[in-house]
PDB file of all heavy atoms in Angstrom:
ATOM      1  N   GLU A   1       0.843  -1.193   0.000  1.00  0.00           N
ATOM      2  CA  GLU A   1       0.000   0.000   0.000  1.00  0.00           C
ATOM      3  C   GLU A   1       0.883   1.249   0.000  1.00  0.00           C
ATOM      4  O   GLU A   1       1.895   1.321   0.682  1.00  0.00           O
ATOM      5  CB  GLU A   1      -0.888   0.009   1.240  1.00  0.00           C
ATOM      6  CG  GLU A   1      -1.789   1.216   1.316  1.00  0.00           C
ATOM      7  CD  GLU A   1      -2.633   1.220   2.570  1.00  0.00           C
ATOM      8  OE1 GLU A   1      -2.697   0.200   3.267  1.00  0.00           O
ATOM      9  OE2 GLU A   1      -3.207   2.276   2.853  1.00  0.00           O
ATOM     10  N   HIS A   2       0.504   2.231  -0.785  1.00  0.00           N
ATOM     11  CA  HIS A   2       1.227   3.496  -0.832  1.00  0.00           C
ATOM     12  C   HIS A   2       0.329   4.609  -0.320  1.00  0.00           C
ATOM     13  O   HIS A   2      -0.884   4.587  -0.531  1.00  0.00           O
ATOM     14  CB  HIS A   2       1.654   3.835  -2.259  1.00  0.00           C
ATOM     15  CG  HIS A   2       2.714   2.930  -2.785  1.00  0.00           C
ATOM     16  ND1 HIS A   2       4.044   3.194  -2.629  1.00  0.00           N
ATOM     17  CD2 HIS A   2       2.638   1.758  -3.450  1.00  0.00           C
ATOM     18  CE1 HIS A   2       4.748   2.238  -3.174  1.00  0.00           C
ATOM     19  NE2 HIS A   2       3.913   1.331  -3.687  1.00  0.00           N
ATOM     20  N   VAL A   3       0.937   5.560   0.344  1.00  0.00           N
ATOM     21  CA  VAL A   3       0.223   6.719   0.860  1.00  0.00           C
ATOM     22  C   VAL A   3       0.805   7.947   0.188  1.00  0.00           C
ATOM     23  O   VAL A   3       2.022   8.119   0.122  1.00  0.00           O
ATOM     24  CB  VAL A   3       0.383   6.827   2.399  1.00  0.00           C
ATOM     25  CG1 VAL A   3      -0.293   8.060   2.925  1.00  0.00           C
ATOM     26  CG2 VAL A   3      -0.156   5.577   3.077  1.00  0.00           C
ATOM     27  N   ARG A   4      -0.042   8.801  -0.313  1.00  0.00           N
ATOM     28  CA  ARG A   4       0.420  10.033  -0.952  1.00  0.00           C
ATOM     29  C   ARG A   4       0.721  11.058   0.129  1.00  0.00           C
ATOM     30  O   ARG A   4      -0.047  11.235   1.069  1.00  0.00           O
ATOM     31  CB  ARG A   4      -0.653  10.560  -1.893  1.00  0.00           C
ATOM     32  CG  ARG A   4      -0.245  11.837  -2.623  1.00  0.00           C
ATOM     33  CD  ARG A   4      -1.304  12.250  -3.618  1.00  0.00           C
ATOM     34  NE  ARG A   4      -1.424  11.306  -4.712  1.00  0.00           N
ATOM     35  CZ  ARG A   4      -0.677  11.346  -5.812  1.00  0.00           C
ATOM     36  NH1 ARG A   4       0.255  12.253  -5.939  1.00  0.00           N
ATOM     37  NH2 ARG A   4      -0.864  10.472  -6.778  1.00  0.00           N
ATOM     38  N   THR A   5       1.862  11.716  -0.009  1.00  0.00           N
ATOM     39  CA  THR A   5       2.260  12.726   0.960  1.00  0.00           C
ATOM     40  C   THR A   5       2.947  13.875   0.228  1.00  0.00           C
ATOM     41  O   THR A   5       3.364  13.733  -0.916  1.00  0.00           O
ATOM     42  CB  THR A   5       3.182  12.137   2.045  1.00  0.00           C
ATOM     43  OG1 THR A   5       3.421  13.126   3.033  1.00  0.00           O
ATOM     44  CG2 THR A   5       4.472  11.635   1.469  1.00  0.00           C
ATOM     45  N   THR A   6       3.058  14.989   0.893  1.00  0.00           N
ATOM     46  CA  THR A   6       3.731  16.157   0.334  1.00  0.00           C
ATOM     47  C   THR A   6       4.961  16.450   1.167  1.00  0.00           C
ATOM     48  O   THR A   6       4.917  16.403   2.392  1.00  0.00           O
ATOM     49  CB  THR A   6       2.798  17.385   0.359  1.00  0.00           C
ATOM     50  OG1 THR A   6       1.625  17.081  -0.384  1.00  0.00           O
ATOM     51  CG2 THR A   6       3.481  18.601  -0.229  1.00  0.00           C
ATOM     52  N   ILE A   7       6.057  16.733   0.498  1.00  0.00           N
ATOM     53  CA  ILE A   7       7.308  17.045   1.190  1.00  0.00           C
ATOM     54  C   ILE A   7       7.749  18.437   0.760  1.00  0.00           C
ATOM     55  O   ILE A   7       7.858  18.715  -0.428  1.00  0.00           O
ATOM     56  CB  ILE A   7       8.412  16.025   0.835  1.00  0.00           C
ATOM     57  CG1 ILE A   7       7.988  14.631   1.245  1.00  0.00           C
ATOM     58  CG2 ILE A   7       9.726  16.415   1.480  1.00  0.00           C
ATOM     59  CD1 ILE A   7       8.914  13.551   0.759  1.00  0.00           C
ATOM     60  N   ARG A   8       8.000  19.289   1.735  1.00  0.00           N
ATOM     61  CA  ARG A   8       8.532  20.610   1.440  1.00  0.00           C
ATOM     62  C   ARG A   8      10.047  20.555   1.533  1.00  0.00           C
ATOM     63  O   ARG A   8      10.588  19.930   2.435  1.00  0.00           O
ATOM     64  CB  ARG A   8       8.003  21.643   2.437  1.00  0.00           C
ATOM     65  CG  ARG A   8       6.570  22.011   2.151  1.00  0.00           C
ATOM     66  CD  ARG A   8       6.184  23.192   2.986  1.00  0.00           C
ATOM     67  NE  ARG A   8       5.200  22.691   3.940  1.00  0.00           N
ATOM     68  CZ  ARG A   8       4.903  23.252   5.080  1.00  0.00           C
ATOM     69  NH1 ARG A   8       5.522  24.331   5.473  1.00  0.00           N
ATOM     70  NH2 ARG A   8       3.986  22.749   5.853  1.00  0.00           N
ATOM     71  N   MET A   9      10.715  21.204   0.585  1.00  0.00           N
ATOM     72  CA  MET A   9      12.179  21.241   0.621  1.00  0.00           C
ATOM     73  C   MET A   9      12.639  22.547  -0.012  1.00  0.00           C
ATOM     74  O   MET A   9      11.954  23.109  -0.859  1.00  0.00           O
ATOM     75  CB  MET A   9      12.780  20.035  -0.097  1.00  0.00           C
ATOM     76  CG  MET A   9      12.550  19.980  -1.582  1.00  0.00           C
ATOM     77  SD  MET A   9      13.322  18.566  -2.380  1.00  0.00           S
ATOM     78  CE  MET A   9      12.290  17.240  -1.819  1.00  0.00           C
ATOM     79  N   PRO A  10      13.819  22.985   0.387  1.00  0.00           N
ATOM     80  CA  PRO A  10      14.358  24.203  -0.217  1.00  0.00           C
ATOM     81  C   PRO A  10      14.638  23.983  -1.709  1.00  0.00           C
ATOM     82  O   PRO A  10      14.965  22.873  -2.136  1.00  0.00           O
ATOM     83  CB  PRO A  10      15.674  24.445   0.531  1.00  0.00           C
ATOM     84  CG  PRO A  10      15.654  23.534   1.703  1.00  0.00           C
ATOM     85  CD  PRO A  10      14.674  22.449   1.428  1.00  0.00           C
ATOM     86  N   THR A  11      14.526  25.024  -2.466  1.00  0.00           N
ATOM     87  CA  THR A  11      14.781  24.955  -3.902  1.00  0.00           C
ATOM     88  C   THR A  11      16.198  24.458  -4.177  1.00  0.00           C
ATOM     89  O   THR A  11      16.423  23.689  -5.117  1.00  0.00           O
ATOM     90  CB  THR A  11      14.583  26.348  -4.545  1.00  0.00           C
ATOM     91  OG1 THR A  11      13.281  26.822  -4.203  1.00  0.00           O
ATOM     92  CG2 THR A  11      14.707  26.294  -6.044  1.00  0.00           C
ATOM     93  N   SER A  12      17.144  24.875  -3.350  1.00  0.00           N
ATOM     94  CA  SER A  12      18.534  24.446  -3.553  1.00  0.00           C
ATOM     95  C   SER A  12      18.671  22.926  -3.423  1.00  0.00           C
ATOM     96  O   SER A  12      19.443  22.301  -4.159  1.00  0.00           O
ATOM     97  CB  SER A  12      19.461  25.144  -2.555  1.00  0.00           C
ATOM     98  OG  SER A  12      19.079  24.846  -1.224  1.00  0.00           O
ATOM     99  N   LEU A  13      17.914  22.308  -2.494  1.00  0.00           N
ATOM    100  CA  LEU A  13      17.957  20.850  -2.345  1.00  0.00           C
ATOM    101  C   LEU A  13      17.361  20.173  -3.570  1.00  0.00           C
ATOM    102  O   LEU A  13      17.903  19.184  -4.073  1.00  0.00           O
ATOM    103  CB  LEU A  13      17.232  20.414  -1.075  1.00  0.00           C
ATOM    104  CG  LEU A  13      17.165  18.917  -0.813  1.00  0.00           C
ATOM    105  CD1 LEU A  13      18.564  18.306  -0.739  1.00  0.00           C
ATOM    106  CD2 LEU A  13      16.398  18.642   0.473  1.00  0.00           C
ATOM    107  N   LEU A  14      16.263  20.710  -4.072  1.00  0.00           N
ATOM    108  CA  LEU A  14      15.642  20.149  -5.272  1.00  0.00           C
ATOM    109  C   LEU A  14      16.610  20.205  -6.456  1.00  0.00           C
ATOM    110  O   LEU A  14      16.756  19.233  -7.201  1.00  0.00           O
ATOM    111  CB  LEU A  14      14.355  20.894  -5.609  1.00  0.00           C
ATOM    112  CG  LEU A  14      13.597  20.426  -6.840  1.00  0.00           C
ATOM    113  CD1 LEU A  14      13.196  18.962  -6.702  1.00  0.00           C
ATOM    114  CD2 LEU A  14      12.394  21.294  -7.081  1.00  0.00           C
ATOM    115  N   LYS A  15      17.326  21.315  -6.600  1.00  0.00           N
ATOM    116  CA  LYS A  15      18.308  21.436  -7.681  1.00  0.00           C
ATOM    117  C   LYS A  15      19.431  20.416  -7.499  1.00  0.00           C
ATOM    118  O   LYS A  15      19.882  19.797  -8.463  1.00  0.00           O
ATOM    119  CB  LYS A  15      18.868  22.853  -7.728  1.00  0.00           C
ATOM    120  CG  LYS A  15      17.870  23.866  -8.255  1.00  0.00           C
ATOM    121  CD  LYS A  15      18.459  25.261  -8.253  1.00  0.00           C
ATOM    122  CE  LYS A  15      17.425  26.272  -8.719  1.00  0.00           C
ATOM    123  NZ  LYS A  15      17.949  27.656  -8.675  1.00  0.00           N
ATOM    124  N   SER A  16      19.874  20.226  -6.268  1.00  0.00           N
ATOM    125  CA  SER A  16      20.931  19.249  -5.989  1.00  0.00           C
ATOM    126  C   SER A  16      20.469  17.833  -6.306  1.00  0.00           C
ATOM    127  O   SER A  16      21.232  17.023  -6.857  1.00  0.00           O
ATOM    128  CB  SER A  16      21.366  19.329  -4.526  1.00  0.00           C
ATOM    129  OG  SER A  16      21.956  20.571  -4.254  1.00  0.00           O
ATOM    130  N   ILE A  17      19.237  17.528  -5.966  1.00  0.00           N
ATOM    131  CA  ILE A  17      18.683  16.203  -6.266  1.00  0.00           C
ATOM    132  C   ILE A  17      18.653  15.980  -7.772  1.00  0.00           C
ATOM    133  O   ILE A  17      19.048  14.927  -8.269  1.00  0.00           O
ATOM    134  CB  ILE A  17      17.277  16.034  -5.651  1.00  0.00           C
ATOM    135  CG1 ILE A  17      17.374  15.931  -4.137  1.00  0.00           C
ATOM    136  CG2 ILE A  17      16.577  14.804  -6.238  1.00  0.00           C
ATOM    137  CD1 ILE A  17      16.032  15.967  -3.428  1.00  0.00           C
ATOM    138  N   GLU A  18      18.191  16.969  -8.505  1.00  0.00           N
ATOM    139  CA  GLU A  18      18.091  16.823  -9.960  1.00  0.00           C
ATOM    140  C   GLU A  18      19.474  16.656 -10.600  1.00  0.00           C
ATOM    141  O   GLU A  18      19.600  16.000 -11.625  1.00  0.00           O
ATOM    142  CB  GLU A  18      17.352  18.010 -10.573  1.00  0.00           C
ATOM    143  CG  GLU A  18      15.859  18.001 -10.282  1.00  0.00           C
ATOM    144  CD  GLU A  18      15.144  16.748 -10.772  1.00  0.00           C
ATOM    145  OE1 GLU A  18      15.591  16.097 -11.744  1.00  0.00           O
ATOM    146  OE2 GLU A  18      14.113  16.405 -10.172  1.00  0.00           O
ATOM    147  N   GLU A  19      20.514  17.218  -9.979  1.00  0.00           N
ATOM    148  CA  GLU A  19      21.865  17.068 -10.507  1.00  0.00           C
ATOM    149  C   GLU A  19      22.395  15.643 -10.331  1.00  0.00           C
ATOM    150  O   GLU A  19      23.162  15.160 -11.159  1.00  0.00           O
ATOM    151  CB  GLU A  19      22.819  18.048  -9.812  1.00  0.00           C
ATOM    152  CG  GLU A  19      22.596  19.485 -10.198  1.00  0.00           C
ATOM    153  CD  GLU A  19      23.461  20.448  -9.393  1.00  0.00           C
ATOM    154  OE1 GLU A  19      24.311  20.004  -8.591  1.00  0.00           O
ATOM    155  OE2 GLU A  19      23.274  21.664  -9.564  1.00  0.00           O
ATOM    156  N   VAL A  20      21.995  14.946  -9.250  1.00  0.00           N
ATOM    157  CA  VAL A  20      22.533  13.617  -8.969  1.00  0.00           C
ATOM    158  C   VAL A  20      21.574  12.481  -9.304  1.00  0.00           C
ATOM    159  O   VAL A  20      21.986  11.333  -9.389  1.00  0.00           O
ATOM    160  CB  VAL A  20      22.969  13.482  -7.485  1.00  0.00           C
ATOM    161  CG1 VAL A  20      24.042  14.498  -7.168  1.00  0.00           C
ATOM    162  CG2 VAL A  20      21.787  13.621  -6.538  1.00  0.00           C
ATOM    163  N   ARG A  21      20.311  12.782  -9.507  1.00  0.00           N
ATOM    164  CA  ARG A  21      19.305  11.740  -9.775  1.00  0.00           C
ATOM    165  C   ARG A  21      19.545  11.108 -11.138  1.00  0.00           C
ATOM    166  O   ARG A  21      19.661  11.771 -12.142  1.00  0.00           O
ATOM    167  CB  ARG A  21      17.902  12.344  -9.729  1.00  0.00           C
ATOM    168  CG  ARG A  21      16.788  11.349  -9.979  1.00  0.00           C
ATOM    169  CD  ARG A  21      15.427  12.003  -9.861  1.00  0.00           C
ATOM    170  NE  ARG A  21      15.160  12.972 -10.888  1.00  0.00           N
ATOM    171  CZ  ARG A  21      14.583  12.701 -12.059  1.00  0.00           C
ATOM    172  NH1 ARG A  21      14.224  11.463 -12.346  1.00  0.00           N
ATOM    173  NH2 ARG A  21      14.367  13.661 -12.939  1.00  0.00           N
ATOM    174  N   ASN A  22      19.602   9.783 -11.153  1.00  0.00           N
ATOM    175  CA  ASN A  22      19.734   9.036 -12.399  1.00  0.00           C
ATOM    176  C   ASN A  22      18.319   8.758 -12.907  1.00  0.00           C
ATOM    177  O   ASN A  22      17.594   7.956 -12.319  1.00  0.00           O
ATOM    178  CB  ASN A  22      20.481   7.725 -12.146  1.00  0.00           C
ATOM    179  CG  ASN A  22      20.576   6.867 -13.371  1.00  0.00           C
ATOM    180  OD1 ASN A  22      19.974   7.137 -14.398  1.00  0.00           O
ATOM    181  ND2 ASN A  22      21.351   5.806 -13.262  1.00  0.00           N
ATOM    182  N   PRO A  23      17.900   9.401 -14.009  1.00  0.00           N
ATOM    183  CA  PRO A  23      16.515   9.240 -14.487  1.00  0.00           C
ATOM    184  C   PRO A  23      16.149   7.810 -14.886  1.00  0.00           C
ATOM    185  O   PRO A  23      14.989   7.439 -14.839  1.00  0.00           O
ATOM    186  CB  PRO A  23      16.427  10.168 -15.698  1.00  0.00           C
ATOM    187  CG  PRO A  23      17.633  11.019 -15.663  1.00  0.00           C
ATOM    188  CD  PRO A  23      18.650  10.340 -14.800  1.00  0.00           C
ATOM    189  N   GLU A  24      17.151   7.010 -15.257  1.00  0.00           N
ATOM    190  CA  GLU A  24      16.849   5.626 -15.611  1.00  0.00           C
ATOM    191  C   GLU A  24      16.521   4.808 -14.365  1.00  0.00           C
ATOM    192  O   GLU A  24      15.653   3.948 -14.391  1.00  0.00           O
ATOM    193  CB  GLU A  24      18.021   5.001 -16.357  1.00  0.00           C
ATOM    194  CG  GLU A  24      18.218   5.592 -17.734  1.00  0.00           C
ATOM    195  CD  GLU A  24      19.420   5.008 -18.442  1.00  0.00           C
ATOM    196  OE1 GLU A  24      19.977   3.997 -17.971  1.00  0.00           O
ATOM    197  OE2 GLU A  24      19.802   5.571 -19.484  1.00  0.00           O
ATOM    198  N   GLU A  25      17.246   5.075 -13.271  1.00  0.00           N
ATOM    199  CA  GLU A  25      16.999   4.346 -12.019  1.00  0.00           C
ATOM    200  C   GLU A  25      15.812   4.939 -11.260  1.00  0.00           C
ATOM    201  O   GLU A  25      15.039   4.213 -10.649  1.00  0.00           O
ATOM    202  CB  GLU A  25      18.252   4.402 -11.134  1.00  0.00           C
ATOM    203  CG  GLU A  25      18.121   3.597  -9.855  1.00  0.00           C
ATOM    204  CD  GLU A  25      19.381   3.640  -9.009  1.00  0.00           C
ATOM    205  OE1 GLU A  25      20.368   4.289  -9.396  1.00  0.00           O
ATOM    206  OE2 GLU A  25      19.366   3.001  -7.945  1.00  0.00           O
ATOM    207  N   PHE A  26      15.685   6.263 -11.304  1.00  0.00           N
ATOM    208  CA  PHE A  26      14.615   6.962 -10.589  1.00  0.00           C
ATOM    209  C   PHE A  26      13.884   7.874 -11.579  1.00  0.00           C
ATOM    210  O   PHE A  26      14.226   9.052 -11.720  1.00  0.00           O
ATOM    211  CB  PHE A  26      15.183   7.808  -9.445  1.00  0.00           C
ATOM    212  CG  PHE A  26      16.008   7.028  -8.464  1.00  0.00           C
ATOM    213  CD1 PHE A  26      17.385   7.123  -8.450  1.00  0.00           C
ATOM    214  CD2 PHE A  26      15.389   6.193  -7.542  1.00  0.00           C
ATOM    215  CE1 PHE A  26      18.143   6.411  -7.544  1.00  0.00           C
ATOM    216  CE2 PHE A  26      16.131   5.469  -6.630  1.00  0.00           C
ATOM    217  CZ  PHE A  26      17.515   5.583  -6.635  1.00  0.00           C
ATOM    218  N   PRO A  27      12.871   7.345 -12.276  1.00  0.00           N
ATOM    219  CA  PRO A  27      12.174   8.128 -13.298  1.00  0.00           C
ATOM    220  C   PRO A  27      11.543   9.419 -12.766  1.00  0.00           C
ATOM    221  O   PRO A  27      11.446  10.404 -13.481  1.00  0.00           O
ATOM    222  CB  PRO A  27      11.095   7.177 -13.820  1.00  0.00           C
ATOM    223  CG  PRO A  27      11.544   5.822 -13.421  1.00  0.00           C
ATOM    224  CD  PRO A  27      12.379   5.984 -12.193  1.00  0.00           C
ATOM    225  N   THR A  28      11.115   9.410 -11.512  1.00  0.00           N
ATOM    226  CA  THR A  28      10.470  10.601 -10.948  1.00  0.00           C
ATOM    227  C   THR A  28      11.174  11.022  -9.673  1.00  0.00           C
ATOM    228  O   THR A  28      11.906  10.245  -9.056  1.00  0.00           O
ATOM    229  CB  THR A  28       8.991  10.332 -10.611  1.00  0.00           C
ATOM    230  OG1 THR A  28       8.931   9.391  -9.535  1.00  0.00           O
ATOM    231  CG2 THR A  28       8.222   9.792 -11.810  1.00  0.00           C
ATOM    232  N   LEU A  29      10.930  12.250  -9.277  1.00  0.00           N
ATOM    233  CA  LEU A  29      11.462  12.755  -8.019  1.00  0.00           C
ATOM    234  C   LEU A  29      10.943  11.909  -6.865  1.00  0.00           C
ATOM    235  O   LEU A  29      11.676  11.593  -5.924  1.00  0.00           O
ATOM    236  CB  LEU A  29      11.080  14.228  -7.833  1.00  0.00           C
ATOM    237  CG  LEU A  29      11.539  14.889  -6.545  1.00  0.00           C
ATOM    238  CD1 LEU A  29      13.056  14.911  -6.461  1.00  0.00           C
ATOM    239  CD2 LEU A  29      10.976  16.301  -6.448  1.00  0.00           C
ATOM    240  N   SER A  30       9.685  11.497  -6.929  1.00  0.00           N
ATOM    241  CA  SER A  30       9.101  10.657  -5.878  1.00  0.00           C
ATOM    242  C   SER A  30       9.867   9.342  -5.729  1.00  0.00           C
ATOM    243  O   SER A  30      10.112   8.882  -4.615  1.00  0.00           O
ATOM    244  CB  SER A  30       7.629  10.347  -6.179  1.00  0.00           C
ATOM    245  OG  SER A  30       6.858  11.512  -6.091  1.00  0.00           O
ATOM    246  N   ASP A  31      10.245   8.741  -6.854  1.00  0.00           N
ATOM    247  CA  ASP A  31      11.006   7.495  -6.811  1.00  0.00           C
ATOM    248  C   ASP A  31      12.342   7.708  -6.106  1.00  0.00           C
ATOM    249  O   ASP A  31      12.773   6.893  -5.294  1.00  0.00           O
ATOM    250  CB  ASP A  31      11.263   6.955  -8.224  1.00  0.00           C
ATOM    251  CG  ASP A  31       9.997   6.519  -8.925  1.00  0.00           C
ATOM    252  OD1 ASP A  31       9.061   6.062  -8.234  1.00  0.00           O
ATOM    253  OD2 ASP A  31       9.945   6.633 -10.159  1.00  0.00           O
ATOM    254  N   PHE A  32      13.000   8.829  -6.426  1.00  0.00           N
ATOM    255  CA  PHE A  32      14.289   9.131  -5.819  1.00  0.00           C
ATOM    256  C   PHE A  32      14.149   9.335  -4.310  1.00  0.00           C
ATOM    257  O   PHE A  32      14.891   8.757  -3.523  1.00  0.00           O
ATOM    258  CB  PHE A  32      14.908  10.379  -6.460  1.00  0.00           C
ATOM    259  CG  PHE A  32      16.253  10.724  -5.895  1.00  0.00           C
ATOM    260  CD1 PHE A  32      17.399  10.136  -6.406  1.00  0.00           C
ATOM    261  CD2 PHE A  32      16.380  11.627  -4.857  1.00  0.00           C
ATOM    262  CE1 PHE A  32      18.648  10.447  -5.891  1.00  0.00           C
ATOM    263  CE2 PHE A  32      17.624  11.946  -4.332  1.00  0.00           C
ATOM    264  CZ  PHE A  32      18.752  11.358  -4.846  1.00  0.00           C
ATOM    265  N   VAL A  33      13.183  10.150  -3.908  1.00  0.00           N
ATOM    266  CA  VAL A  33      12.983  10.445  -2.483  1.00  0.00           C
ATOM    267  C   VAL A  33      12.605   9.178  -1.731  1.00  0.00           C
ATOM    268  O   VAL A  33      13.119   8.900  -0.651  1.00  0.00           O
ATOM    269  CB  VAL A  33      11.937  11.563  -2.285  1.00  0.00           C
ATOM    270  CG1 VAL A  33      11.570  11.732  -0.820  1.00  0.00           C
ATOM    271  CG2 VAL A  33      12.459  12.881  -2.850  1.00  0.00           C
ATOM    272  N   ARG A  34      11.706   8.366  -2.295  1.00  0.00           N
ATOM    273  CA  ARG A  34      11.304   7.116  -1.651  1.00  0.00           C
ATOM    274  C   ARG A  34      12.516   6.206  -1.456  1.00  0.00           C
ATOM    275  O   ARG A  34      12.732   5.646  -0.378  1.00  0.00           O
ATOM    276  CB  ARG A  34      10.230   6.414  -2.481  1.00  0.00           C
ATOM    277  CG  ARG A  34       9.691   5.148  -1.854  1.00  0.00           C
ATOM    278  CD  ARG A  34       8.511   4.518  -2.620  1.00  0.00           C
ATOM    279  NE  ARG A  34       8.504   4.702  -4.058  1.00  0.00           N
ATOM    280  CZ  ARG A  34       7.787   5.631  -4.698  1.00  0.00           C
ATOM    281  NH1 ARG A  34       7.047   6.484  -4.038  1.00  0.00           N
ATOM    282  NH2 ARG A  34       7.830   5.727  -6.028  1.00  0.00           N
ATOM    283  N   GLY A  35      13.349   6.067  -2.490  1.00  0.00           N
ATOM    284  CA  GLY A  35      14.541   5.230  -2.389  1.00  0.00           C
ATOM    285  C   GLY A  35      15.507   5.750  -1.331  1.00  0.00           C
ATOM    286  O   GLY A  35      16.080   4.977  -0.553  1.00  0.00           O
TER     287      GLY A  35
END
């Protein structure tokens, strides 16, 4: 079962995540954060 939730984060953290996130392994930001 999955529960939908909202996470607030600074814009700088979101930019950092997008720089290191491998889109093939983590297609979405949610996949990356969950992992």
